[in-house]
Amino acid sequence: QVQLVESGGGLVQPGGSLNLSCTASESVFGVNIMGWYRQAPGKQRELVADILGGGTKRINYADSVKGRFTISRDNVKRTVFLQMHNLKPEDTAVYYCNLNIPSSENFWGRGTQVTVSS
């Protein structure tokens, strides 16, 4: 069972920046996707960004974060990062790290709170 541990959440003013990181407890070989989802109160969990492991490192972003957020991963450190800039109040949510092994298993972190407020 892979454990995912997130860090880096907190309180920031609108227009500010935060960096999130998530480290997996063990290496995963083969095709896998690491990503970030978020869930605001009263709303469904939604994809923020994900990145495919391997040479292509194909990346997807939600339209709402394009141009403001950047996802990256370090396979040696088993870590995925999310750099968030120009944060808006509507970015307030619990951010969850996800590791997906297609047609196999899906792992979630416990989540880290991001609050954007003045």
C-alpha atoms as a PDB file:
ATOM      1  CA  GLN A   1       0.000   0.000   0.000  1.00  0.00           C
ATOM      2  CA  VAL A   2       1.569   3.260  -1.140  1.00  0.00           C
ATOM      3  CA  GLN A   3       1.286   6.138   1.313  1.00  0.00           C
ATOM      4  CA  LEU A   4       1.131   9.705   0.005  1.00  0.00           C
ATOM      5  CA  VAL A   5       2.088  12.580   2.303  1.00  0.00           C
ATOM      6  CA  GLU A   6       1.267  16.145   1.303  1.00  0.00           C
ATOM      7  CA  SER A   7       2.799  19.326   2.665  1.00  0.00           C
ATOM      8  CA  GLY A   8       2.815  23.036   1.939  1.00  0.00           C
ATOM      9  CA  GLY A   9      -0.749  24.186   2.447  1.00  0.00           C
ATOM     10  CA  GLY A  10      -1.691  27.249   4.430  1.00  0.00           C
ATOM     11  CA  LEU A  11      -3.260  30.678   4.425  1.00  0.00           C
ATOM     12  CA  VAL A  12      -2.327  33.204   1.760  1.00  0.00           C
ATOM     13  CA  GLN A  13      -3.717  36.503   0.569  1.00  0.00           C
ATOM     14  CA  PRO A  14      -5.261  36.846  -2.895  1.00  0.00           C
ATOM     15  CA  GLY A  15      -2.532  37.208  -5.478  1.00  0.00           C
ATOM     16  CA  GLY A  16      -0.087  35.271  -3.354  1.00  0.00           C
ATOM     17  CA  SER A  17       1.723  32.002  -3.964  1.00  0.00           C
ATOM     18  CA  LEU A  18       2.007  28.601  -2.317  1.00  0.00           C
ATOM     19  CA  ASN A  19       3.946  25.470  -3.151  1.00  0.00           C
ATOM     20  CA  LEU A  20       2.593  22.009  -2.430  1.00  0.00           C
ATOM     21  CA  SER A  21       4.545  18.786  -2.435  1.00  0.00           C
ATOM     22  CA  CYS A  22       3.585  15.151  -2.109  1.00  0.00           C
ATOM     23  CA  THR A  23       5.944  12.251  -1.527  1.00  0.00           C
ATOM     24  CA  ALA A  24       5.133   8.602  -2.081  1.00  0.00           C
ATOM     25  CA  SER A  25       6.353   6.034   0.440  1.00  0.00           C
ATOM     26  CA  GLU A  26       7.749   3.770  -2.251  1.00  0.00           C
ATOM     27  CA  SER A  27       8.666   3.847  -5.888  1.00  0.00           C
ATOM     28  CA  VAL A  28       6.091   2.828  -8.451  1.00  0.00           C
ATOM     29  CA  PHE A  29       7.345   1.232 -11.618  1.00  0.00           C
ATOM     30  CA  GLY A  30       5.584   1.297 -14.921  1.00  0.00           C
ATOM     31  CA  VAL A  31       2.987   3.725 -16.180  1.00  0.00           C
ATOM     32  CA  ASN A  32       1.588   5.926 -13.457  1.00  0.00           C
ATOM     33  CA  ILE A  33       0.028   9.348 -13.097  1.00  0.00           C
ATOM     34  CA  MET A  34       0.564  11.658 -10.140  1.00  0.00           C
ATOM     35  CA  GLY A  35      -1.718  14.583  -9.666  1.00  0.00           C
ATOM     36  CA  TRP A  36      -3.505  17.057  -7.474  1.00  0.00           C
ATOM     37  CA  TYR A  37      -7.227  17.279  -6.871  1.00  0.00           C
ATOM     38  CA  ARG A  38      -9.128  19.703  -4.704  1.00  0.00           C
ATOM     39  CA  GLN A  39     -12.420  19.787  -2.910  1.00  0.00           C
ATOM     40  CA  ALA A  40     -14.103  22.943  -1.705  1.00  0.00           C
ATOM     41  CA  PRO A  41     -16.911  22.859   0.876  1.00  0.00           C
ATOM     42  CA  GLY A  42     -20.137  21.677  -0.702  1.00  0.00           C
ATOM     43  CA  LYS A  43     -18.480  20.823  -3.999  1.00  0.00           C
ATOM     44  CA  GLN A  44     -17.243  17.677  -5.675  1.00  0.00           C
ATOM     45  CA  ARG A  45     -13.581  16.796  -5.803  1.00  0.00           C
ATOM     46  CA  GLU A  46     -12.065  18.051  -9.035  1.00  0.00           C
ATOM     47  CA  LEU A  47      -8.832  17.567 -10.920  1.00  0.00           C
ATOM     48  CA  VAL A  48      -6.389  20.453 -10.627  1.00  0.00           C
ATOM     49  CA  ALA A  49      -3.464  19.016 -12.574  1.00  0.00           C
ATOM     50  CA  ASP A  50      -1.812  15.702 -13.269  1.00  0.00           C
ATOM     51  CA  ILE A  51       1.419  14.509 -14.824  1.00  0.00           C
ATOM     52  CA  LEU A  52       2.272  11.220 -16.445  1.00  0.00           C
ATOM     53  CA  GLY A  53       5.456   9.500 -15.328  1.00  0.00           C
ATOM     54  CA  GLY A  54       8.025   8.533 -17.877  1.00  0.00           C
ATOM     55  CA  GLY A  55       9.673  10.261 -20.772  1.00  0.00           C
ATOM     56  CA  THR A  56       6.673  12.193 -22.062  1.00  0.00           C
ATOM     57  CA  LYS A  57       5.538  13.636 -18.710  1.00  0.00           C
ATOM     58  CA  ARG A  58       2.238  14.561 -20.357  1.00  0.00           C
ATOM     59  CA  ILE A  59       0.466  17.199 -18.258  1.00  0.00           C
ATOM     60  CA  ASN A  60      -3.180  18.160 -17.816  1.00  0.00           C
ATOM     61  CA  TYR A  61      -4.478  21.299 -16.121  1.00  0.00           C
ATOM     62  CA  ALA A  62      -7.957  22.357 -15.175  1.00  0.00           C
ATOM     63  CA  ASP A  63      -8.947  25.401 -17.207  1.00  0.00           C
ATOM     64  CA  SER A  64      -9.375  27.402 -14.012  1.00  0.00           C
ATOM     65  CA  VAL A  65      -5.690  27.084 -13.088  1.00  0.00           C
ATOM     66  CA  LYS A  66      -3.976  27.249 -16.478  1.00  0.00           C
ATOM     67  CA  GLY A  67      -1.300  29.913 -16.513  1.00  0.00           C
ATOM     68  CA  ARG A  68      -1.254  30.155 -12.714  1.00  0.00           C
ATOM     69  CA  PHE A  69      -0.335  26.659 -11.489  1.00  0.00           C
ATOM     70  CA  THR A  70       2.589  24.461 -12.503  1.00  0.00           C
ATOM     71  CA  ILE A  71       2.865  20.751 -11.783  1.00  0.00           C
ATOM     72  CA  SER A  72       6.122  18.838 -11.867  1.00  0.00           C
ATOM     73  CA  ARG A  73       7.528  15.586 -10.537  1.00  0.00           C
ATOM     74  CA  ASP A  74      10.832  14.143  -9.419  1.00  0.00           C
ATOM     75  CA  ASN A  75      10.739  10.386  -9.884  1.00  0.00           C
ATOM     76  CA  VAL A  76      13.959   9.837  -7.961  1.00  0.00           C
ATOM     77  CA  LYS A  77      12.480  11.568  -4.917  1.00  0.00           C
ATOM     78  CA  ARG A  78       9.034  10.005  -5.588  1.00  0.00           C
ATOM     79  CA  THR A  79       7.583  13.510  -5.272  1.00  0.00           C
ATOM     80  CA  VAL A  80       5.079  15.609  -7.175  1.00  0.00           C
ATOM     81  CA  PHE A  81       4.985  19.380  -6.801  1.00  0.00           C
ATOM     82  CA  LEU A  82       2.347  22.022  -7.409  1.00  0.00           C
ATOM     83  CA  GLN A  83       3.438  25.633  -7.669  1.00  0.00           C
ATOM     84  CA  MET A  84       0.464  27.957  -7.294  1.00  0.00           C
ATOM     85  CA  HIS A  85       0.676  31.621  -8.213  1.00  0.00           C
ATOM     86  CA  ASN A  86      -1.827  34.473  -8.357  1.00  0.00           C
ATOM     87  CA  LEU A  87      -4.084  32.591  -5.987  1.00  0.00           C
ATOM     88  CA  LYS A  88      -7.748  33.529  -5.848  1.00  0.00           C
ATOM     89  CA  PRO A  89     -10.363  33.032  -3.119  1.00  0.00           C
ATOM     90  CA  GLU A  90     -12.017  30.419  -5.330  1.00  0.00           C
ATOM     91  CA  ASP A  91      -8.836  28.323  -5.074  1.00  0.00           C
ATOM     92  CA  THR A  92      -9.668  27.734  -1.405  1.00  0.00           C
ATOM     93  CA  ALA A  93     -10.065  23.993  -0.882  1.00  0.00           C
ATOM     94  CA  VAL A  94      -8.503  20.880   0.542  1.00  0.00           C
ATOM     95  CA  TYR A  95      -5.880  19.739  -1.941  1.00  0.00           C
ATOM     96  CA  TYR A  96      -5.355  15.994  -2.313  1.00  0.00           C
ATOM     97  CA  CYS A  97      -2.429  14.198  -3.856  1.00  0.00           C
ATOM     98  CA  ASN A  98      -3.275  11.256  -6.099  1.00  0.00           C
ATOM     99  CA  LEU A  99      -1.281   8.384  -7.546  1.00  0.00           C
ATOM    100  CA  ASN A 100      -3.032   6.431 -10.246  1.00  0.00           C
ATOM    101  CA  ILE A 101      -1.790   3.211 -11.781  1.00  0.00           C
ATOM    102  CA  PRO A 102      -4.045   2.736 -14.813  1.00  0.00           C
ATOM    103  CA  SER A 103      -6.283  -0.327 -14.638  1.00  0.00           C
ATOM    104  CA  SER A 104      -4.770  -1.198 -11.294  1.00  0.00           C
ATOM    105  CA  GLU A 105      -4.733   0.925  -8.173  1.00  0.00           C
ATOM    106  CA  ASN A 106      -5.521   4.449  -7.061  1.00  0.00           C
ATOM    107  CA  PHE A 107      -4.015   6.076  -3.960  1.00  0.00           C
ATOM    108  CA  TRP A 108      -4.911   9.281  -2.135  1.00  0.00           C
ATOM    109  CA  GLY A 109      -3.169  11.465   0.388  1.00  0.00           C
ATOM    110  CA  ARG A 110      -4.992  12.831   3.417  1.00  0.00           C
ATOM    111  CA  GLY A 111      -5.164  16.326   1.991  1.00  0.00           C
ATOM    112  CA  THR A 112      -3.773  19.741   2.858  1.00  0.00           C
ATOM    113  CA  GLN A 113      -5.842  22.882   3.356  1.00  0.00           C
ATOM    114  CA  VAL A 114      -5.260  25.895   1.123  1.00  0.00           C
ATOM    115  CA  THR A 115      -7.082  29.063   2.135  1.00  0.00           C
ATOM    116  CA  VAL A 116      -6.948  32.219   0.060  1.00  0.00           C
ATOM    117  CA  SER A 117      -8.318  35.153   1.994  1.00  0.00           C
ATOM    118  CA  SER A 118      -7.521  38.719   2.882  1.00  0.00           C
END
